[in-house]
Each structure stands twice: as C-alpha cells, then as structure tokens.
Amino acid sequence: MKKNKPCGFHCIKANNISVKIGKDVILENVNIHIHCGELTVIIGKNGAGKSTLLKSILGEIKHDGNIEFMDIKQNKTQNLKIGYVPQSINVEKHMPTTVYDLIASNISNKPIWIKKNKSLYEKIKEHLK
C-alpha cells in the first residue's frame, strides 16, 4: 500500500447533514471531514445510518446541510474517488470475497480474483484497526 501523507486539508467536508424519510429522522446534524491521503472507515451497528450518510455524500438521497468537495491544487472537485462496501453486493455467490480483498483490489488496481502480496493484506489489517 502506498503511504500517502495526509495534506492536512479536507477532500470532503460534510456539515450538519440531516436525513429524514417521512417522519423518521435517520441522521441529524452529522459533521465529518475526510482528509486527503487518508483511508476513512465508517463502522457501526445495523441501522445506525452508515449507508444513509454515504448515499447523502454521493448525492443519491436528499439531505439537509452542505457537502464540500475540495481539490487542494485547484480548489474544485476533480478525480473524486469514493469507495464503499455496501450491505449487499452483486458478486458471484461462490466467489469468496472479503473486505480485505476489495480494498487490496482497489489499491493494487488488480482484479479481485488475482492473488495479492501478503504484506499488502497486513498493511490493510493495520489500517483497519
């Protein structure tokens, strides 16, 4: 895994994100700053709002609050890359896939079924701690 040093600036800044579906409040005033060069993991119990937060950042669902995307070089959205592991994924049922495999494939730019270096998995494991 390439060790990119964080630039100290945010690439994505979500301010006071709230999501309502009907009368149900799913998210209320969530703030998150995702910094350049960092792997950010959002974890929590089922129903905590993780997918809802990601879908609001991706613009897939209506939300209140504002989201800024920054490119430190040109101060605009450019080459924005957001990946997430959804609750259900359309992958061949007989193909064993793990979160490690998905992250390793993204980092190495190699298909998921090609074996990766063991040290890459160790680095991913350390980052996920």
C-alpha atoms as a PDB file:
ATOM      1  CA  MET A   1       0.000   0.000   0.000  1.00  0.00           C
ATOM      2  CA  LYS A   2       1.405   3.383  -0.916  1.00  0.00           C
ATOM      3  CA  LYS A   3       1.851   5.542   2.127  1.00  0.00           C
ATOM      4  CA  ASN A   4       0.330   8.880   1.099  1.00  0.00           C
ATOM      5  CA  LYS A   5       0.914  11.516   3.692  1.00  0.00           C
ATOM      6  CA  PRO A   6      -2.254  13.450   4.526  1.00  0.00           C
ATOM      7  CA  CYS A   7      -2.097  17.001   3.273  1.00  0.00           C
ATOM      8  CA  GLY A   8      -3.843  18.387   6.345  1.00  0.00           C
ATOM      9  CA  PHE A   9      -6.766  19.633   4.282  1.00  0.00           C
ATOM     10  CA  HIS A  10     -10.141  18.007   3.770  1.00  0.00           C
ATOM     11  CA  CYS A  11     -11.223  16.490   0.499  1.00  0.00           C
ATOM     12  CA  ILE A  12     -14.792  16.042   1.673  1.00  0.00           C
ATOM     13  CA  LYS A  13     -16.393  18.147   4.374  1.00  0.00           C
ATOM     14  CA  ALA A  14     -19.979  17.400   5.376  1.00  0.00           C
ATOM     15  CA  ASN A  15     -21.619  19.959   7.660  1.00  0.00           C
ATOM     16  CA  ASN A  16     -24.831  19.384   9.618  1.00  0.00           C
ATOM     17  CA  ILE A  17     -26.071  16.549   7.404  1.00  0.00           C
ATOM     18  CA  SER A  18     -29.602  15.524   8.288  1.00  0.00           C
ATOM     19  CA  VAL A  19     -31.782  12.988   6.526  1.00  0.00           C
ATOM     20  CA  LYS A  20     -35.498  12.440   7.101  1.00  0.00           C
ATOM     21  CA  ILE A  21     -37.559   9.727   5.499  1.00  0.00           C
ATOM     22  CA  GLY A  22     -41.188  10.514   6.113  1.00  0.00           C
ATOM     23  CA  LYS A  23     -41.424  11.381   9.810  1.00  0.00           C
ATOM     24  CA  ASP A  24     -38.340   9.311  10.709  1.00  0.00           C
ATOM     25  CA  VAL A  25     -35.090  11.168  11.376  1.00  0.00           C
ATOM     26  CA  ILE A  26     -32.305   8.915  10.067  1.00  0.00           C
ATOM     27  CA  LEU A  27     -29.383  11.341  10.526  1.00  0.00           C
ATOM     28  CA  GLU A  28     -29.313  14.563  12.489  1.00  0.00           C
ATOM     29  CA  ASN A  29     -26.581  17.217  12.266  1.00  0.00           C
ATOM     30  CA  VAL A  30     -23.722  14.891  11.292  1.00  0.00           C
ATOM     31  CA  ASN A  31     -20.344  16.523  10.663  1.00  0.00           C
ATOM     32  CA  ILE A  32     -17.447  14.682   9.058  1.00  0.00           C
ATOM     33  CA  HIS A  33     -14.186  15.778   7.483  1.00  0.00           C
ATOM     34  CA  ILE A  34     -12.414  13.268   5.266  1.00  0.00           C
ATOM     35  CA  HIS A  35      -8.824  14.272   4.710  1.00  0.00           C
ATOM     36  CA  CYS A  36      -6.726  13.829   1.590  1.00  0.00           C
ATOM     37  CA  GLY A  37      -4.487  10.776   1.569  1.00  0.00           C
ATOM     38  CA  GLU A  38      -6.286   9.007   4.413  1.00  0.00           C
ATOM     39  CA  LEU A  39      -8.339   5.837   4.401  1.00  0.00           C
ATOM     40  CA  THR A  40     -11.552   6.595   6.274  1.00  0.00           C
ATOM     41  CA  VAL A  41     -13.735   3.790   7.592  1.00  0.00           C
ATOM     42  CA  ILE A  42     -17.263   4.281   8.898  1.00  0.00           C
ATOM     43  CA  ILE A  43     -18.383   1.429  11.114  1.00  0.00           C
ATOM     44  CA  GLY A  44     -21.382   0.885  13.341  1.00  0.00           C
ATOM     45  CA  LYS A  45     -24.343  -1.309  14.126  1.00  0.00           C
ATOM     46  CA  ASN A  46     -27.000  -2.203  11.572  1.00  0.00           C
ATOM     47  CA  GLY A  47     -29.414   0.679  11.161  1.00  0.00           C
ATOM     48  CA  ALA A  48     -27.013   3.289  12.561  1.00  0.00           C
ATOM     49  CA  GLY A  49     -27.105   5.340   9.338  1.00  0.00           C
ATOM     50  CA  LYS A  50     -23.758   4.463   7.708  1.00  0.00           C
ATOM     51  CA  SER A  51     -25.220   3.742   4.267  1.00  0.00           C
ATOM     52  CA  THR A  52     -27.536   6.736   4.537  1.00  0.00           C
ATOM     53  CA  LEU A  53     -24.570   9.015   5.268  1.00  0.00           C
ATOM     54  CA  LEU A  54     -22.613   7.649   2.299  1.00  0.00           C
ATOM     55  CA  LYS A  55     -25.593   7.901  -0.028  1.00  0.00           C
ATOM     56  CA  SER A  56     -26.136  11.509   1.021  1.00  0.00           C
ATOM     57  CA  ILE A  57     -22.449  12.313   0.356  1.00  0.00           C
ATOM     58  CA  LEU A  58     -22.742  10.639  -3.053  1.00  0.00           C
ATOM     59  CA  GLY A  59     -25.893  12.651  -3.795  1.00  0.00           C
ATOM     60  CA  GLU A  60     -28.079   9.561  -4.036  1.00  0.00           C
ATOM     61  CA  ILE A  61     -30.567  10.711  -1.388  1.00  0.00           C
ATOM     62  CA  LYS A  62     -31.973  14.079  -0.369  1.00  0.00           C
ATOM     63  CA  HIS A  63     -30.408  15.657   2.710  1.00  0.00           C
ATOM     64  CA  ASP A  64     -30.202  18.923   4.581  1.00  0.00           C
ATOM     65  CA  GLY A  65     -26.838  20.514   5.325  1.00  0.00           C
ATOM     66  CA  ASN A  66     -23.979  21.055   2.929  1.00  0.00           C
ATOM     67  CA  ILE A  67     -21.186  18.948   1.490  1.00  0.00           C
ATOM     68  CA  GLU A  68     -17.991  20.419   0.050  1.00  0.00           C
ATOM     69  CA  PHE A  69     -15.596  18.551  -2.235  1.00  0.00           C
ATOM     70  CA  MET A  70     -12.141  20.074  -2.470  1.00  0.00           C
ATOM     71  CA  ASP A  71      -9.119  19.555  -4.683  1.00  0.00           C
ATOM     72  CA  ILE A  72      -6.266  21.233  -2.845  1.00  0.00           C
ATOM     73  CA  LYS A  73      -4.486  22.118  -6.099  1.00  0.00           C
ATOM     74  CA  GLN A  74      -7.372  23.750  -7.946  1.00  0.00           C
ATOM     75  CA  ASN A  75      -9.965  24.196  -5.191  1.00  0.00           C
ATOM     76  CA  LYS A  76     -12.603  22.211  -7.103  1.00  0.00           C
ATOM     77  CA  THR A  77     -13.880  18.671  -7.498  1.00  0.00           C
ATOM     78  CA  GLN A  78     -11.506  16.672  -9.613  1.00  0.00           C
ATOM     79  CA  ASN A  79     -10.815  12.928  -9.745  1.00  0.00           C
ATOM     80  CA  LEU A  80     -13.025  12.365  -6.709  1.00  0.00           C
ATOM     81  CA  LYS A  81     -12.811   8.697  -5.723  1.00  0.00           C
ATOM     82  CA  ILE A  82     -15.191   7.342  -3.113  1.00  0.00           C
ATOM     83  CA  GLY A  83     -15.475   3.626  -2.499  1.00  0.00           C
ATOM     84  CA  TYR A  84     -17.664   1.792  -0.072  1.00  0.00           C
ATOM     85  CA  VAL A  85     -18.681  -1.748   0.695  1.00  0.00           C
ATOM     86  CA  PRO A  86     -22.483  -1.888   0.577  1.00  0.00           C
ATOM     87  CA  GLN A  87     -24.561  -4.132   2.786  1.00  0.00           C
ATOM     88  CA  SER A  88     -25.346  -6.351  -0.175  1.00  0.00           C
ATOM     89  CA  ILE A  89     -23.153  -6.627  -3.239  1.00  0.00           C
ATOM     90  CA  ASN A  90     -23.744  -8.254  -6.590  1.00  0.00           C
ATOM     91  CA  VAL A  91     -20.747 -10.609  -6.644  1.00  0.00           C
ATOM     92  CA  GLU A  92     -20.769 -14.225  -7.771  1.00  0.00           C
ATOM     93  CA  LYS A  93     -22.154 -16.201  -4.815  1.00  0.00           C
ATOM     94  CA  HIS A  94     -19.444 -18.868  -4.984  1.00  0.00           C
ATOM     95  CA  MET A  95     -16.569 -16.384  -5.053  1.00  0.00           C
ATOM     96  CA  PRO A  96     -15.151 -15.867  -1.556  1.00  0.00           C
ATOM     97  CA  THR A  97     -14.653 -12.127  -1.108  1.00  0.00           C
ATOM     98  CA  THR A  98     -13.620 -10.184   1.945  1.00  0.00           C
ATOM     99  CA  VAL A  99     -13.287  -6.506   2.784  1.00  0.00           C
ATOM    100  CA  TYR A 100      -9.512  -7.074   2.583  1.00  0.00           C
ATOM    101  CA  ASP A 101      -9.892  -8.365  -0.991  1.00  0.00           C
ATOM    102  CA  LEU A 102     -11.977  -5.369  -2.031  1.00  0.00           C
ATOM    103  CA  ILE A 103      -9.554  -2.821  -0.550  1.00  0.00           C
ATOM    104  CA  ALA A 104      -6.494  -4.666  -1.903  1.00  0.00           C
ATOM    105  CA  SER A 105      -8.001  -4.737  -5.397  1.00  0.00           C
ATOM    106  CA  ASN A 106      -8.667  -1.026  -5.262  1.00  0.00           C
ATOM    107  CA  ILE A 107      -5.157  -0.189  -4.032  1.00  0.00           C
ATOM    108  CA  SER A 108      -3.331  -2.531  -6.407  1.00  0.00           C
ATOM    109  CA  ASN A 109      -5.616  -1.850  -9.404  1.00  0.00           C
ATOM    110  CA  LYS A 110      -5.730  -5.609  -9.995  1.00  0.00           C
ATOM    111  CA  PRO A 111      -8.943  -7.637 -10.338  1.00  0.00           C
ATOM    112  CA  ILE A 112     -10.275  -9.110  -7.132  1.00  0.00           C
ATOM    113  CA  TRP A 113      -9.502 -12.702  -8.141  1.00  0.00           C
ATOM    114  CA  ILE A 114      -5.750 -12.093  -8.672  1.00  0.00           C
ATOM    115  CA  LYS A 115      -3.693 -13.008  -5.603  1.00  0.00           C
ATOM    116  CA  LYS A 116      -2.116 -10.030  -3.822  1.00  0.00           C
ATOM    117  CA  ASN A 117       1.082  -9.762  -1.822  1.00  0.00           C
ATOM    118  CA  LYS A 118       0.665 -10.928   1.795  1.00  0.00           C
ATOM    119  CA  SER A 119       2.311  -7.726   3.090  1.00  0.00           C
ATOM    120  CA  LEU A 120      -0.468  -5.694   1.423  1.00  0.00           C
ATOM    121  CA  TYR A 121      -3.081  -7.542   3.492  1.00  0.00           C
ATOM    122  CA  GLU A 122      -1.047  -6.954   6.666  1.00  0.00           C
ATOM    123  CA  LYS A 123      -0.917  -3.211   5.948  1.00  0.00           C
ATOM    124  CA  ILE A 124      -4.664  -3.130   5.281  1.00  0.00           C
ATOM    125  CA  LYS A 125      -5.302  -5.028   8.534  1.00  0.00           C
ATOM    126  CA  GLU A 126      -3.209  -2.478  10.445  1.00  0.00           C
ATOM    127  CA  HIS A 127      -5.094   0.466   8.888  1.00  0.00           C
ATOM    128  CA  LEU A 128      -8.485  -1.092   9.641  1.00  0.00           C
ATOM    129  CA  LYS A 129      -7.622  -1.404  13.336  1.00  0.00           C
END
